Amino acid sequence: MTSMQVEIRVMLKDDHGRSFVGIGIIWLLRGIERHRSISSAARDMSLSYPKALRIIKNLEEGLGRQILVRRKGGVGRGGAELTPFGREFLRRYERMQTRISRFAAVAFEKEFARPLPEGGLP
């Protein structure tokens, strides 16, 4: 049997069951933090600027809080950065993701440490 590993991705949903946070928005927020620009972060992900804006709007609606401070102004004058709430949200989400991934790795190891039967599962 080939080597296996487990990967867990956490998604947050609103009261109506609509997803508003997944790994993609986390990557986008990290990119915005790095570039201080929505368009640069979106470009790094091969994501259109309008789609990035929709994702951010969906996130802010889901959280009920502003997560970015945006400054208009074009090249060299505009930009975006995470609000203090946004930075704390990102930190907590990533910490939760790490904890869940560690738990999943332990559970996976317990279940698959011994070989599966040759003839397949009963």
C-alpha atoms as a PDB file:
ATOM      1  CA  MET A   1       0.000   0.000   0.000  1.00  0.00           C
ATOM      2  CA  THR A   2       1.216   3.508  -0.724  1.00  0.00           C
ATOM      3  CA  SER A   3       2.006   5.949   2.031  1.00  0.00           C
ATOM      4  CA  MET A   4      -0.950   8.013   3.242  1.00  0.00           C
ATOM      5  CA  GLN A   5      -1.336  11.184   5.226  1.00  0.00           C
ATOM      6  CA  VAL A   6      -4.271  13.192   6.497  1.00  0.00           C
ATOM      7  CA  GLU A   7      -5.063  16.825   5.703  1.00  0.00           C
ATOM      8  CA  ILE A   8      -7.840  18.745   7.406  1.00  0.00           C
ATOM      9  CA  ARG A   9      -9.245  22.058   6.213  1.00  0.00           C
ATOM     10  CA  VAL A  10     -11.549  24.004   8.492  1.00  0.00           C
ATOM     11  CA  MET A  11     -14.484  25.969   7.120  1.00  0.00           C
ATOM     12  CA  LEU A  12     -16.666  28.342   9.140  1.00  0.00           C
ATOM     13  CA  LYS A  13     -20.365  28.742   8.328  1.00  0.00           C
ATOM     14  CA  ASP A  14     -22.989  31.275   9.334  1.00  0.00           C
ATOM     15  CA  ASP A  15     -26.342  30.555  10.998  1.00  0.00           C
ATOM     16  CA  HIS A  16     -27.813  29.697   7.591  1.00  0.00           C
ATOM     17  CA  GLY A  17     -25.143  27.133   6.764  1.00  0.00           C
ATOM     18  CA  ARG A  18     -23.315  29.358   4.263  1.00  0.00           C
ATOM     19  CA  SER A  19     -19.538  29.099   4.304  1.00  0.00           C
ATOM     20  CA  PHE A  20     -17.716  32.384   4.817  1.00  0.00           C
ATOM     21  CA  VAL A  21     -14.222  31.265   5.901  1.00  0.00           C
ATOM     22  CA  GLY A  22     -12.016  28.607   4.388  1.00  0.00           C
ATOM     23  CA  ILE A  23      -8.343  28.203   3.639  1.00  0.00           C
ATOM     24  CA  GLY A  24      -8.565  30.415   0.530  1.00  0.00           C
ATOM     25  CA  ILE A  25      -9.654  33.514   2.459  1.00  0.00           C
ATOM     26  CA  ILE A  26      -6.907  32.832   4.998  1.00  0.00           C
ATOM     27  CA  TRP A  27      -4.335  32.746   2.172  1.00  0.00           C
ATOM     28  CA  LEU A  28      -5.818  35.968   0.790  1.00  0.00           C
ATOM     29  CA  LEU A  29      -5.620  37.698   4.180  1.00  0.00           C
ATOM     30  CA  ARG A  30      -2.001  36.570   4.622  1.00  0.00           C
ATOM     31  CA  GLY A  31      -1.239  37.984   1.171  1.00  0.00           C
ATOM     32  CA  ILE A  32      -2.892  41.295   2.042  1.00  0.00           C
ATOM     33  CA  GLU A  33      -0.875  41.394   5.240  1.00  0.00           C
ATOM     34  CA  ARG A  34       2.329  40.750   3.265  1.00  0.00           C
ATOM     35  CA  HIS A  35       1.667  43.138   0.347  1.00  0.00           C
ATOM     36  CA  ARG A  36      -0.613  45.678   2.064  1.00  0.00           C
ATOM     37  CA  SER A  37      -2.684  45.416  -1.100  1.00  0.00           C
ATOM     38  CA  ILE A  38      -5.792  43.469  -2.066  1.00  0.00           C
ATOM     39  CA  SER A  39      -4.911  43.513  -5.769  1.00  0.00           C
ATOM     40  CA  SER A  40      -1.344  42.237  -5.191  1.00  0.00           C
ATOM     41  CA  ALA A  41      -2.559  39.494  -2.866  1.00  0.00           C
ATOM     42  CA  ALA A  42      -5.257  38.481  -5.365  1.00  0.00           C
ATOM     43  CA  ARG A  43      -2.760  38.482  -8.242  1.00  0.00           C
ATOM     44  CA  ASP A  44      -0.452  36.150  -6.253  1.00  0.00           C
ATOM     45  CA  MET A  45      -3.368  33.708  -6.000  1.00  0.00           C
ATOM     46  CA  SER A  46      -4.430  34.101  -9.663  1.00  0.00           C
ATOM     47  CA  LEU A  47      -7.665  35.571  -8.345  1.00  0.00           C
ATOM     48  CA  SER A  48      -9.452  38.509  -9.957  1.00  0.00           C
ATOM     49  CA  TYR A  49      -9.656  41.700  -7.921  1.00  0.00           C
ATOM     50  CA  PRO A  50     -13.502  41.745  -8.051  1.00  0.00           C
ATOM     51  CA  LYS A  51     -13.615  38.135  -6.796  1.00  0.00           C
ATOM     52  CA  ALA A  52     -11.211  38.993  -3.953  1.00  0.00           C
ATOM     53  CA  LEU A  53     -13.473  41.902  -2.990  1.00  0.00           C
ATOM     54  CA  ARG A  54     -16.542  39.612  -2.991  1.00  0.00           C
ATOM     55  CA  ILE A  55     -14.731  37.099  -0.780  1.00  0.00           C
ATOM     56  CA  ILE A  56     -13.719  39.832   1.671  1.00  0.00           C
ATOM     57  CA  LYS A  57     -17.247  41.288   1.683  1.00  0.00           C
ATOM     58  CA  ASN A  58     -18.677  37.812   2.384  1.00  0.00           C
ATOM     59  CA  LEU A  59     -16.196  37.357   5.244  1.00  0.00           C
ATOM     60  CA  GLU A  60     -17.003  40.729   6.800  1.00  0.00           C
ATOM     61  CA  GLU A  61     -20.741  40.037   6.527  1.00  0.00           C
ATOM     62  CA  GLY A  62     -20.261  36.608   8.108  1.00  0.00           C
ATOM     63  CA  LEU A  63     -18.235  38.030  10.973  1.00  0.00           C
ATOM     64  CA  GLY A  64     -20.363  41.156  11.325  1.00  0.00           C
ATOM     65  CA  ARG A  65     -17.176  43.224  11.574  1.00  0.00           C
ATOM     66  CA  GLN A  66     -14.754  45.029   9.318  1.00  0.00           C
ATOM     67  CA  ILE A  67     -11.609  42.995   8.834  1.00  0.00           C
ATOM     68  CA  LEU A  68      -9.678  45.368   6.543  1.00  0.00           C
ATOM     69  CA  VAL A  69      -8.913  49.065   6.410  1.00  0.00           C
ATOM     70  CA  ARG A  70      -8.823  50.127   2.766  1.00  0.00           C
ATOM     71  CA  ARG A  71      -7.153  53.271   1.453  1.00  0.00           C
ATOM     72  CA  LYS A  72      -8.025  54.479  -2.041  1.00  0.00           C
ATOM     73  CA  GLY A  73      -5.450  56.276  -4.089  1.00  0.00           C
ATOM     74  CA  GLY A  74      -3.909  54.157  -6.797  1.00  0.00           C
ATOM     75  CA  VAL A  75      -0.304  53.101  -7.143  1.00  0.00           C
ATOM     76  CA  GLY A  76       1.835  54.082  -4.171  1.00  0.00           C
ATOM     77  CA  ARG A  77      -0.965  55.805  -2.292  1.00  0.00           C
ATOM     78  CA  GLY A  78      -3.645  53.196  -1.739  1.00  0.00           C
ATOM     79  CA  GLY A  79      -3.596  49.870   0.011  1.00  0.00           C
ATOM     80  CA  ALA A  80      -5.201  47.711   2.634  1.00  0.00           C
ATOM     81  CA  GLU A  81      -4.294  46.270   5.975  1.00  0.00           C
ATOM     82  CA  LEU A  82      -5.936  44.076   8.549  1.00  0.00           C
ATOM     83  CA  THR A  83      -7.775  45.764  11.396  1.00  0.00           C
ATOM     84  CA  PRO A  84      -6.781  44.721  14.930  1.00  0.00           C
ATOM     85  CA  PHE A  85      -9.921  42.534  14.885  1.00  0.00           C
ATOM     86  CA  GLY A  86      -8.798  41.049  11.552  1.00  0.00           C
ATOM     87  CA  ARG A  87      -5.318  40.230  12.859  1.00  0.00           C
ATOM     88  CA  GLU A  88      -6.774  38.585  15.974  1.00  0.00           C
ATOM     89  CA  PHE A  89      -9.322  36.632  13.926  1.00  0.00           C
ATOM     90  CA  LEU A  90      -6.563  35.374  11.612  1.00  0.00           C
ATOM     91  CA  ARG A  91      -4.355  34.400  14.566  1.00  0.00           C
ATOM     92  CA  ARG A  92      -7.166  32.463  16.267  1.00  0.00           C
ATOM     93  CA  TYR A  93      -8.273  30.736  13.073  1.00  0.00           C
ATOM     94  CA  GLU A  94      -4.727  29.591  12.323  1.00  0.00           C
ATOM     95  CA  ARG A  95      -4.217  28.421  15.914  1.00  0.00           C
ATOM     96  CA  MET A  96      -7.475  26.449  15.736  1.00  0.00           C
ATOM     97  CA  GLN A  97      -6.468  24.952  12.361  1.00  0.00           C
ATOM     98  CA  THR A  98      -3.122  23.862  13.833  1.00  0.00           C
ATOM     99  CA  ARG A  99      -4.783  22.214  16.846  1.00  0.00           C
ATOM    100  CA  ILE A 100      -7.307  20.378  14.683  1.00  0.00           C
ATOM    101  CA  SER A 101      -4.571  19.207  12.295  1.00  0.00           C
ATOM    102  CA  ARG A 102      -2.494  17.861  15.198  1.00  0.00           C
ATOM    103  CA  PHE A 103      -5.504  16.002  16.591  1.00  0.00           C
ATOM    104  CA  ALA A 104      -6.278  14.573  13.142  1.00  0.00           C
ATOM    105  CA  ALA A 105      -2.665  13.414  12.695  1.00  0.00           C
ATOM    106  CA  VAL A 106      -2.769  11.534  16.015  1.00  0.00           C
ATOM    107  CA  ALA A 107      -6.165   9.970  15.235  1.00  0.00           C
ATOM    108  CA  PHE A 108      -4.964   9.006  11.747  1.00  0.00           C
ATOM    109  CA  GLU A 109      -1.817   7.391  13.159  1.00  0.00           C
ATOM    110  CA  LYS A 110      -3.867   5.386  15.681  1.00  0.00           C
ATOM    111  CA  GLU A 111      -6.203   4.098  12.968  1.00  0.00           C
ATOM    112  CA  PHE A 112      -3.651   3.393  10.266  1.00  0.00           C
ATOM    113  CA  ALA A 113      -0.509   2.445  12.232  1.00  0.00           C
ATOM    114  CA  ARG A 114      -1.212  -1.236  11.611  1.00  0.00           C
ATOM    115  CA  PRO A 115      -1.514  -2.537   8.054  1.00  0.00           C
ATOM    116  CA  LEU A 116      -4.902  -3.105   6.502  1.00  0.00           C
ATOM    117  CA  PRO A 117      -5.847  -6.720   5.714  1.00  0.00           C
ATOM    118  CA  GLU A 118      -4.510  -8.005   2.380  1.00  0.00           C
ATOM    119  CA  GLY A 119      -7.919  -9.038   1.090  1.00  0.00           C
ATOM    120  CA  GLY A 120      -9.425  -5.617   1.711  1.00  0.00           C
ATOM    121  CA  LEU A 121     -11.646  -4.360   4.484  1.00  0.00           C
ATOM    122  CA  PRO A 122     -14.215  -6.763   5.946  1.00  0.00           C
END
